[in-house]
C-alpha atoms as a PDB file:
ATOM      1  CA  UNK A   1       5.382  11.403  19.897  1.00  0.00           C
ATOM      2  CA  UNK A   2       6.511   8.246  17.532  1.00  0.00           C
ATOM      3  CA  UNK A   3       4.496   8.105  13.670  1.00  0.00           C
ATOM      4  CA  UNK A   4       2.134   5.265  14.113  1.00  0.00           C
ATOM      5  CA  UNK A   5       1.076   3.306  11.086  1.00  0.00           C
ATOM      6  CA  UNK A   6      -1.604   1.219  10.437  1.00  0.00           C
ATOM      7  CA  UNK A   7      -4.281   0.112   8.053  1.00  0.00           C
ATOM      8  CA  UNK A   8      -7.623  -0.312   7.318  1.00  0.00           C
ATOM      9  CA  UNK A   9      -9.586  -1.744   3.725  1.00  0.00           C
ATOM     10  CA  UNK A  10     -11.219  -0.305   0.806  1.00  0.00           C
ATOM     11  CA  UNK A  11     -12.616  -2.665  -1.002  1.00  0.00           C
ATOM     12  CA  UNK A  12      -9.978  -5.632  -1.832  1.00  0.00           C
ATOM     13  CA  UNK A  13      -7.713  -3.247  -1.430  1.00  0.00           C
ATOM     14  CA  UNK A  14      -6.244  -2.114   2.006  1.00  0.00           C
ATOM     15  CA  UNK A  15      -5.058   1.652   3.042  1.00  0.00           C
ATOM     16  CA  UNK A  16      -1.649   1.854   4.784  1.00  0.00           C
ATOM     17  CA  UNK A  17      -0.933   5.184   6.437  1.00  0.00           C
ATOM     18  CA  UNK A  18       1.554   6.510   8.029  1.00  0.00           C
ATOM     19  CA  UNK A  19       0.708   9.369  10.753  1.00  0.00           C
ATOM     20  CA  UNK A  20       1.007  11.615  13.753  1.00  0.00           C
ATOM     21  CA  UNK A  21      -1.583  13.676  15.292  1.00  0.00           C
ATOM     22  CA  UNK A  22      -2.998  15.181  12.003  1.00  0.00           C
ATOM     23  CA  UNK A  23      -0.396  15.198   9.608  1.00  0.00           C
ATOM     24  CA  UNK A  24      -0.179  11.834   7.230  1.00  0.00           C
ATOM     25  CA  UNK A  25       3.376  11.338   6.232  1.00  0.00           C
ATOM     26  CA  UNK A  26       2.520   8.337   3.743  1.00  0.00           C
ATOM     27  CA  UNK A  27      -0.778   6.740   2.852  1.00  0.00           C
ATOM     28  CA  UNK A  28      -0.687   4.119  -0.027  1.00  0.00           C
ATOM     29  CA  UNK A  29      -2.657   0.788  -1.610  1.00  0.00           C
ATOM     30  CA  UNK A  30      -1.553  -2.665  -0.732  1.00  0.00           C
ATOM     31  CA  UNK A  31      -3.087  -6.307  -0.983  1.00  0.00           C
ATOM     32  CA  UNK A  32      -2.031  -6.940   1.783  1.00  0.00           C
ATOM     33  CA  UNK A  33      -2.912  -5.115   5.564  1.00  0.00           C
ATOM     34  CA  UNK A  34      -0.503  -4.123   8.870  1.00  0.00           C
ATOM     35  CA  UNK A  35      -1.769  -4.122  12.265  1.00  0.00           C
ATOM     36  CA  UNK A  36      -2.067  -0.930  13.797  1.00  0.00           C
ATOM     37  CA  UNK A  37      -4.477   2.216  14.117  1.00  0.00           C
ATOM     38  CA  UNK A  38      -5.511   4.545  11.246  1.00  0.00           C
ATOM     39  CA  UNK A  39      -7.154   8.027  11.493  1.00  0.00           C
ATOM     40  CA  UNK A  40     -10.432   8.073  12.031  1.00  0.00           C
ATOM     41  CA  UNK A  41     -11.232  10.339   9.196  1.00  0.00           C
ATOM     42  CA  UNK A  42      -9.596   7.591   6.735  1.00  0.00           C
ATOM     43  CA  UNK A  43     -10.975   5.109   8.294  1.00  0.00           C
ATOM     44  CA  UNK A  44     -14.416   6.950   7.846  1.00  0.00           C
ATOM     45  CA  UNK A  45     -13.929   7.559   4.252  1.00  0.00           C
ATOM     46  CA  UNK A  46     -12.410   4.234   3.683  1.00  0.00           C
ATOM     47  CA  UNK A  47     -15.755   2.815   4.875  1.00  0.00           C
ATOM     48  CA  UNK A  48     -18.411   4.724   2.618  1.00  0.00           C
ATOM     49  CA  UNK A  49     -19.294   6.668   5.466  1.00  0.00           C
ATOM     50  CA  UNK A  50     -18.927  10.928   5.931  1.00  0.00           C
ATOM     51  CA  UNK A  51     -15.821  12.285   6.420  1.00  0.00           C
ATOM     52  CA  UNK A  52     -13.816  15.632   6.298  1.00  0.00           C
ATOM     53  CA  UNK A  53     -10.380  14.633   4.639  1.00  0.00           C
ATOM     54  CA  UNK A  54      -9.383  18.451   4.497  1.00  0.00           C
ATOM     55  CA  UNK A  55      -8.826  18.191   8.204  1.00  0.00           C
ATOM     56  CA  UNK A  56      -5.593  16.073   7.577  1.00  0.00           C
ATOM     57  CA  UNK A  57      -2.320  17.775   6.326  1.00  0.00           C
ATOM     58  CA  UNK A  58      -0.028  16.153   4.234  1.00  0.00           C
ATOM     59  CA  UNK A  59       3.972  16.583   4.322  1.00  0.00           C
ATOM     60  CA  UNK A  60       3.639  16.659   0.551  1.00  0.00           C
ATOM     61  CA  UNK A  61       2.260  20.172   0.723  1.00  0.00           C
ATOM     62  CA  UNK A  62       4.908  22.276   2.461  1.00  0.00           C
ATOM     63  CA  UNK A  63       7.375  24.316   0.866  1.00  0.00           C
ATOM     64  CA  UNK A  64       7.004  26.129  -2.422  1.00  0.00           C
ATOM     65  CA  UNK A  65       7.805  23.433  -4.950  1.00  0.00           C
ATOM     66  CA  UNK A  66       6.130  22.855  -7.775  1.00  0.00           C
ATOM     67  CA  UNK A  67       4.768  19.604  -6.853  1.00  0.00           C
ATOM     68  CA  UNK A  68       3.787  21.400  -3.137  1.00  0.00           C
ATOM     69  CA  UNK A  69       1.809  23.996  -5.349  1.00  0.00           C
ATOM     70  CA  UNK A  70       0.405  20.861  -7.337  1.00  0.00           C
ATOM     71  CA  UNK A  71      -0.708  19.099  -4.415  1.00  0.00           C
ATOM     72  CA  UNK A  72      -2.570  22.163  -2.679  1.00  0.00           C
ATOM     73  CA  UNK A  73      -4.388  22.777  -5.691  1.00  0.00           C
ATOM     74  CA  UNK A  74      -5.252  19.449  -5.753  1.00  0.00           C
ATOM     75  CA  UNK A  75      -6.448  19.481  -2.167  1.00  0.00           C
ATOM     76  CA  UNK A  76      -8.966  22.279  -3.392  1.00  0.00           C
ATOM     77  CA  UNK A  77     -10.733  19.556  -6.221  1.00  0.00           C
ATOM     78  CA  UNK A  78     -14.424  19.578  -4.128  1.00  0.00           C
ATOM     79  CA  UNK A  79     -15.148  16.210  -3.144  1.00  0.00           C
ATOM     80  CA  UNK A  80     -16.942  14.252  -5.854  1.00  0.00           C
ATOM     81  CA  UNK A  81     -15.782  16.370  -8.624  1.00  0.00           C
ATOM     82  CA  UNK A  82     -13.029  16.154 -10.745  1.00  0.00           C
ATOM     83  CA  UNK A  83     -10.672  18.436 -12.655  1.00  0.00           C
ATOM     84  CA  UNK A  84      -8.163  17.817 -15.408  1.00  0.00           C
ATOM     85  CA  UNK A  85      -4.603  17.423 -15.503  1.00  0.00           C
ATOM     86  CA  UNK A  86      -4.311  21.172 -18.118  1.00  0.00           C
ATOM     87  CA  UNK A  87      -7.132  22.337 -15.174  1.00  0.00           C
ATOM     88  CA  UNK A  88      -4.473  21.654 -12.562  1.00  0.00           C
ATOM     89  CA  UNK A  89      -1.272  23.122 -14.402  1.00  0.00           C
ATOM     90  CA  UNK A  90      -3.208  26.268 -16.018  1.00  0.00           C
ATOM     91  CA  UNK A  91      -3.630  26.910 -11.577  1.00  0.00           C
ATOM     92  CA  UNK A  92      -0.439  26.074 -10.830  1.00  0.00           C
ATOM     93  CA  UNK A  93       1.220  27.657 -13.872  1.00  0.00           C
ATOM     94  CA  UNK A  94       3.554  24.398 -15.093  1.00  0.00           C
ATOM     95  CA  UNK A  95       2.760  21.632 -17.374  1.00  0.00           C
ATOM     96  CA  UNK A  96      -0.320  19.170 -17.837  1.00  0.00           C
ATOM     97  CA  UNK A  97       3.264  16.626 -17.651  1.00  0.00           C
ATOM     98  CA  UNK A  98       4.178  17.998 -14.644  1.00  0.00           C
ATOM     99  CA  UNK A  99       0.879  17.380 -12.756  1.00  0.00           C
ATOM    100  CA  UNK A 100       0.809  13.821 -13.844  1.00  0.00           C
ATOM    101  CA  UNK A 101       4.333  12.939 -12.431  1.00  0.00           C
ATOM    102  CA  UNK A 102       3.156  14.902  -9.066  1.00  0.00           C
ATOM    103  CA  UNK A 103       0.054  12.422  -9.219  1.00  0.00           C
ATOM    104  CA  UNK A 104       2.325   9.389 -10.085  1.00  0.00           C
ATOM    105  CA  UNK A 105       4.483  10.376  -6.564  1.00  0.00           C
ATOM    106  CA  UNK A 106       2.068  11.582  -4.450  1.00  0.00           C
ATOM    107  CA  UNK A 107       2.769  10.206  -0.784  1.00  0.00           C
ATOM    108  CA  UNK A 108      -0.838  10.747   0.714  1.00  0.00           C
ATOM    109  CA  UNK A 109      -3.132   9.475  -1.663  1.00  0.00           C
ATOM    110  CA  UNK A 110      -6.775  10.235   0.171  1.00  0.00           C
ATOM    111  CA  UNK A 111      -5.509  13.036   2.016  1.00  0.00           C
ATOM    112  CA  UNK A 112      -4.493  15.339  -1.779  1.00  0.00           C
ATOM    113  CA  UNK A 113      -7.048  13.505  -3.599  1.00  0.00           C
ATOM    114  CA  UNK A 114      -4.921  12.537  -6.638  1.00  0.00           C
ATOM    115  CA  UNK A 115      -7.944  10.567  -7.990  1.00  0.00           C
ATOM    116  CA  UNK A 116      -9.514  13.633  -8.601  1.00  0.00           C
ATOM    117  CA  UNK A 117      -7.522  14.590 -11.535  1.00  0.00           C
ATOM    118  CA  UNK A 118      -8.535  12.765 -14.955  1.00  0.00           C
ATOM    119  CA  UNK A 119      -7.405  13.145 -18.663  1.00  0.00           C
ATOM    120  CA  UNK A 120      -9.014  15.275 -20.899  1.00  0.00           C
ATOM    121  CA  UNK A 121      -9.964  12.324 -22.789  1.00  0.00           C
ATOM    122  CA  UNK A 122     -10.799   9.512 -20.089  1.00  0.00           C
ATOM    123  CA  UNK A 123      -9.898   8.642 -16.322  1.00  0.00           C
ATOM    124  CA  UNK A 124      -6.302   8.791 -16.966  1.00  0.00           C
ATOM    125  CA  UNK A 125      -3.835   6.878 -14.830  1.00  0.00           C
ATOM    126  CA  UNK A 126      -3.930   5.276 -11.207  1.00  0.00           C
ATOM    127  CA  UNK A 127      -1.421   3.046  -9.324  1.00  0.00           C
ATOM    128  CA  UNK A 128      -1.826   0.131  -8.355  1.00  0.00           C
ATOM    129  CA  UNK A 129      -4.909  -0.093 -10.084  1.00  0.00           C
ATOM    130  CA  UNK A 130      -7.025   2.259 -12.046  1.00  0.00           C
ATOM    131  CA  UNK A 131     -10.221   0.201 -10.655  1.00  0.00           C
ATOM    132  CA  UNK A 132      -9.212   1.530  -7.021  1.00  0.00           C
ATOM    133  CA  UNK A 133     -10.056   5.179  -9.195  1.00  0.00           C
ATOM    134  CA  UNK A 134     -12.916   4.597 -10.491  1.00  0.00           C
ATOM    135  CA  UNK A 135     -14.372   3.217  -7.114  1.00  0.00           C
ATOM    136  CA  UNK A 136     -13.155   6.078  -5.171  1.00  0.00           C
ATOM    137  CA  UNK A 137     -14.719   8.554  -7.662  1.00  0.00           C
ATOM    138  CA  UNK A 138     -18.076   6.341  -8.073  1.00  0.00           C
ATOM    139  CA  UNK A 139     -17.890   6.657  -3.979  1.00  0.00           C
ATOM    140  CA  UNK A 140     -17.384  10.327  -3.642  1.00  0.00           C
ATOM    141  CA  UNK A 141     -20.158  11.156  -6.569  1.00  0.00           C
ATOM    142  CA  UNK A 142     -23.031   9.341  -4.596  1.00  0.00           C
ATOM    143  CA  UNK A 143     -22.165  12.088  -1.818  1.00  0.00           C
ATOM    144  CA  UNK A 144     -22.029   9.902   1.151  1.00  0.00           C
ATOM    145  CA  UNK A 145     -18.556  10.349   2.327  1.00  0.00           C
ATOM    146  CA  UNK A 146     -18.102  14.434   1.292  1.00  0.00           C
ATOM    147  CA  UNK A 147     -17.793  16.272   4.909  1.00  0.00           C
ATOM    148  CA  UNK A 148     -18.519  19.893   4.876  1.00  0.00           C
ATOM    149  CA  UNK A 149     -15.002  21.535   4.490  1.00  0.00           C
ATOM    150  CA  UNK A 150     -13.991  18.782   2.404  1.00  0.00           C
ATOM    151  CA  UNK A 151     -12.104  20.312  -0.775  1.00  0.00           C
ATOM    152  CA  UNK A 152     -11.182  23.658   0.702  1.00  0.00           C
ATOM    153  CA  UNK A 153      -8.366  23.759   2.260  1.00  0.00           C
END
């Protein structure tokens, strides 16, 4: 089966997704959409409806690299909650800067919810715009998008 690509809206942004079955190869935020299908869980989440993103897999969590371990730990952060870069570093046995580097290179945001990782003294960064991170966290804190097994990968 071929890898599918498509996009859906999230506010003023689009989420581009490359995927096959329940495996997400790439997700990114962009100003312009691309035609094609998007997994139903991502569509529901971006529309602010109940979804279970934990049912999707990410290519980035495979293997035993430091980044893969970081990504698996980030998937454990429950929907609507946050953890600091230091919290994740402690759980994985690495440095907070390594967690920050992994978050900056996350190939599948939403599936690996890097928006839930915050700095000890503030919200931290998010590419391409920290306003997306704020909107995602706000939507999750309102509790409407969190599915039953979200955050328990």
